[in-house]
Protein backbone atom coordinates (compact mmCIF):
# COMPACT_ATOMS: atom_id res chain seq x y z
CA MET A 1 5.70 18.07 19.13
CA SER A 2 8.43 18.32 21.55
CA ASP A 3 8.88 14.53 21.63
CA ILE A 4 9.86 14.58 17.99
CA THR A 5 13.44 15.18 16.40
CA ASN A 6 13.82 16.69 13.12
CA TYR A 7 10.07 16.80 11.88
CA TYR A 8 10.68 18.37 8.88
CA GLY A 9 13.53 15.60 8.15
CA PHE A 10 10.83 13.04 8.64
CA ILE A 11 8.45 14.69 6.04
CA LEU A 12 11.33 14.82 3.75
CA ALA A 13 11.84 11.14 4.11
CA VAL A 14 8.24 10.30 4.06
CA ILE A 15 8.17 12.14 0.36
CA MET A 16 10.76 10.32 -0.98
CA LEU A 17 9.31 7.13 0.15
CA SER A 18 5.91 7.93 -0.82
CA ILE A 19 6.95 8.46 -4.50
CA THR A 20 9.11 5.23 -4.69
CA PRO A 21 7.27 2.79 -6.65
CA GLY A 22 5.38 -0.22 -4.90
CA ALA A 23 2.69 -3.08 -4.10
CA ASP A 24 0.44 0.19 -2.93
CA THR A 25 1.59 2.21 -6.16
CA VAL A 26 1.00 -0.56 -8.83
CA PHE A 27 -2.57 -1.55 -7.16
CA ILE A 28 -3.81 2.07 -7.50
CA LEU A 29 -2.38 2.65 -10.85
CA THR A 30 -4.01 -0.37 -12.41
CA LYS A 31 -7.48 0.10 -10.60
CA SER A 32 -7.52 3.77 -11.68
CA ILE A 33 -6.65 3.06 -15.34
CA ALA A 34 -9.11 0.03 -15.20
CA GLY A 35 -11.82 1.56 -12.85
CA GLY A 36 -11.56 5.38 -13.24
CA TYR A 37 -11.92 7.44 -10.24
CA ARG A 38 -14.29 5.45 -8.50
CA GLN A 39 -11.71 2.52 -8.13
CA GLY A 40 -9.00 4.88 -7.75
CA PHE A 41 -10.11 6.64 -4.67
CA ALA A 42 -11.70 2.82 -3.25
CA SER A 43 -7.82 1.50 -3.65
CA VAL A 44 -6.79 4.75 -2.01
CA PHE A 45 -9.08 4.57 0.82
CA GLY A 46 -8.37 0.79 1.69
CA ILE A 47 -4.63 1.61 1.74
CA VAL A 48 -4.89 4.37 4.09
CA CYS A 49 -7.32 2.49 6.18
CA GLY A 50 -4.36 -0.28 6.06
CA LEU A 51 -1.82 2.32 6.83
CA PHE A 52 -3.80 3.60 10.03
CA VAL A 53 -3.85 0.45 11.48
CA HIS A 54 0.19 -0.16 11.05
CA THR A 55 0.24 3.48 12.83
CA MET A 56 -1.57 2.05 15.71
CA LEU A 57 0.12 -1.28 15.93
CA ALA A 58 3.33 1.14 16.17
CA ALA A 59 2.33 3.44 18.13
CA PHE A 60 1.00 1.09 20.86
CA GLY A 61 3.51 -1.42 20.55
CA LEU A 62 1.80 -4.18 19.21
CA SER A 63 4.16 -4.44 16.23
CA VAL A 64 6.99 -5.02 18.05
CA ILE A 65 5.23 -8.15 19.44
CA LEU A 66 4.21 -9.02 15.53
CA MET A 67 8.14 -8.90 14.86
CA THR A 68 9.36 -10.65 17.71
CA SER A 69 7.04 -13.67 17.78
CA ALA A 70 7.99 -16.25 15.06
CA LEU A 71 4.59 -17.78 14.83
CA LEU A 72 2.67 -14.44 14.21
CA PHE A 73 5.17 -12.87 11.95
CA ASN A 74 5.12 -16.17 9.74
CA ILE A 75 1.26 -16.06 9.64
CA VAL A 76 1.19 -12.52 8.40
CA LYS A 77 4.28 -13.07 6.24
CA ILE A 78 2.53 -16.00 4.31
CA ALA A 79 -0.86 -14.51 4.17
CA GLY A 80 0.67 -11.32 2.89
CA ALA A 81 2.66 -13.26 0.30
CA ALA A 82 -0.28 -15.39 -0.89
CA TYR A 83 -2.35 -12.39 -1.16
CA LEU A 84 -0.10 -10.48 -3.69
CA ILE A 85 0.61 -13.35 -5.56
CA TYR A 86 -3.24 -14.24 -5.90
CA LEU A 87 -3.55 -10.50 -7.23
CA GLY A 88 -0.78 -11.30 -9.46
CA ILE A 89 -2.19 -14.40 -11.00
CA MET A 90 -5.82 -12.58 -11.24
CA ALA A 91 -3.85 -9.97 -13.06
CA LEU A 92 -2.17 -12.26 -15.41
CA LYS A 93 -5.18 -14.23 -16.19
CA SER A 94 -7.18 -10.81 -17.10
CA LYS A 95 -8.34 -10.07 -20.34
CA SER A 96 -5.73 -8.44 -23.02
CA SER A 97 -7.71 -5.39 -23.02
CA ILE A 98 -9.72 -3.27 -20.40
CA ASN A 99 -13.57 -2.86 -20.82
CA ILE A 100 -14.89 -0.25 -18.34
CA ASN A 101 -18.27 -1.17 -19.16
CA GLU A 102 -17.89 -5.23 -18.51
CA ASP A 103 -15.03 -6.50 -15.99
CA ASN A 104 -14.38 -3.69 -13.90
CA ALA A 105 -17.93 -2.45 -13.96
CA SER A 106 -18.49 -5.29 -11.83
CA TYR A 107 -16.00 -4.49 -9.16
CA SER A 108 -17.85 -2.70 -6.32
CA PHE A 109 -16.45 0.21 -4.41
CA PHE A 110 -16.06 -2.01 -1.52
CA ALA A 111 -14.41 -4.84 -3.25
CA VAL A 112 -11.50 -2.77 -4.34
CA PHE A 113 -11.49 -1.19 -1.06
CA ARG A 114 -10.89 -4.49 0.71
CA GLN A 115 -8.18 -5.61 -1.91
CA GLY A 116 -6.29 -2.42 -1.13
CA PHE A 117 -6.70 -2.68 2.37
CA PHE A 118 -5.57 -6.44 2.89
CA THR A 119 -2.48 -5.59 0.04
CA ASN A 120 -1.26 -3.10 2.76
CA LEU A 121 -2.19 -4.75 5.87
CA LEU A 122 -0.81 -8.05 5.23
CA ASN A 123 2.59 -6.53 3.93
CA PRO A 124 4.99 -7.12 6.88
CA LYS A 125 7.19 -4.77 5.15
CA VAL A 126 5.06 -1.97 6.10
CA ALA A 127 5.27 -2.99 9.66
CA LEU A 128 9.03 -3.19 9.39
CA PHE A 129 9.02 0.09 7.63
CA PHE A 130 7.40 1.81 10.74
CA LEU A 131 9.36 0.11 13.51
CA ALA A 132 12.44 0.95 11.60
CA LEU A 133 11.76 4.72 10.74
CA LEU A 134 9.42 5.99 13.34
CA PRO A 135 11.49 5.60 16.53
CA GLN A 136 14.55 7.60 14.73
CA PHE A 137 12.30 10.71 14.97
CA VAL A 138 11.00 10.30 18.75
CA LYS A 139 13.33 11.05 21.57
CA SER A 140 14.27 7.84 23.26
CA ASN A 141 13.10 8.51 26.74
CA VAL A 142 9.72 8.94 25.42
CA SER A 143 7.18 6.36 26.21
CA SER A 144 3.69 8.04 25.14
CA PRO A 145 2.20 7.00 21.70
CA VAL A 146 1.26 10.53 20.44
CA PRO A 147 4.51 11.24 18.94
CA PHE A 148 4.26 7.75 16.83
CA LEU A 149 0.51 8.77 16.13
CA ILE A 150 1.59 12.27 14.94
CA LEU A 151 4.26 10.85 12.63
CA GLY A 152 2.13 8.01 11.37
CA LEU A 153 -0.66 10.49 10.60
CA THR A 154 2.01 12.68 8.76
CA PHE A 155 2.86 9.65 6.59
CA ILE A 156 -0.47 8.76 5.94
CA PHE A 157 -1.50 12.29 4.60
CA ILE A 158 1.51 12.86 2.87
CA GLY A 159 1.04 9.26 0.96
CA SER A 160 -2.81 10.10 0.51
CA LEU A 161 -1.88 13.29 -1.48
CA TRP A 162 0.74 11.69 -3.62
CA SER A 163 -1.99 8.41 -4.08
CA ILE A 164 -4.88 10.94 -4.97
CA PHE A 165 -2.45 12.36 -7.65
CA LEU A 166 -1.72 9.17 -9.01
CA VAL A 167 -5.50 8.40 -9.21
CA TRP A 168 -6.08 11.70 -10.81
CA ALA A 169 -3.52 11.46 -13.54
CA SER A 170 -4.12 7.85 -14.30
CA ALA A 171 -7.92 7.89 -14.33
CA ARG A 172 -7.53 11.16 -16.54
CA MET A 173 -5.75 8.92 -19.10
CA SER A 174 -7.76 6.01 -18.69
CA ASN A 175 -9.86 6.19 -21.50
CA ILE A 176 -7.08 6.73 -24.00
CA LEU A 177 -4.93 3.92 -22.23
CA ARG A 178 -8.01 1.39 -22.50
CA GLN A 179 -8.31 1.64 -26.31
CA SER A 180 -4.50 0.95 -26.55
CA LYS A 181 -2.30 -2.14 -26.05
CA PHE A 182 -1.16 -0.52 -22.91
CA SER A 183 -3.92 -2.01 -20.77
CA TYR A 184 -2.35 -5.45 -21.84
CA TYR A 185 0.93 -4.79 -20.85
CA LEU A 186 -0.17 -2.85 -17.74
CA ASN A 187 -2.25 -5.97 -16.36
CA LYS A 188 0.67 -8.40 -17.10
CA THR A 189 3.32 -6.38 -15.83
CA ALA A 190 1.37 -5.75 -12.53
CA GLY A 191 0.94 -9.37 -12.25
CA VAL A 192 4.55 -10.26 -12.86
CA ILE A 193 5.10 -7.37 -10.04
CA PHE A 194 2.76 -8.59 -7.67
CA ILE A 195 4.00 -12.12 -7.99
CA ALA A 196 7.61 -10.76 -7.32
CA LEU A 197 6.79 -8.71 -4.42
CA GLY A 198 4.97 -11.72 -2.94
CA LEU A 199 7.93 -13.96 -3.27
CA ASN A 200 9.95 -11.27 -2.27
CA ILE A 201 7.89 -11.16 1.27
CA LEU A 202 8.50 -14.63 1.68
CA ARG A 203 12.08 -14.23 2.41
CA LEU A 204 11.83 -11.89 5.18
CA LYS A 205 12.95 -12.81 8.51
CA ASN A 206 11.79 -11.41 12.03
């Protein structure tokens, strides 16, 4: 911990960033409302695994290679944008109401986990975030990956707590929300948000 500067400041920054809505938040909410706790926790587990990969990449300097290689950056950028746009289109095409016993029951735990994993992993904004934030809280003369791993795991832990709260809150209300027009507007809004996020990723430059 001696190689980390202002650890509590980092925790505060992570809390503020975690509660800021983004692609992961939208994904968790839609899955939790549609499929209850099972799909909600599957989405969280997938996103956490994606964040862990980003943490390892940042800790061992591989994210720098990704960000400095135009080819690799563009491959990840296009793949991430395409995947978010795909999720958006699927949400827009979904039925006007959510029926847990039909459409959403067909989604296995692994299928939702896989969607959450790739939603996070293929988002170059996450890699950029780790590259921009983590070094600010590590002493400049440190070459060890340990402080980066500690900060990354701290980010994952705090983000997981917030995500679990989102699952709990939205899953508890899912029965009511599925019986109203809220599910219709949620699907359409989520679809538009995913497409907008995908298009925004295409604008990123390394």
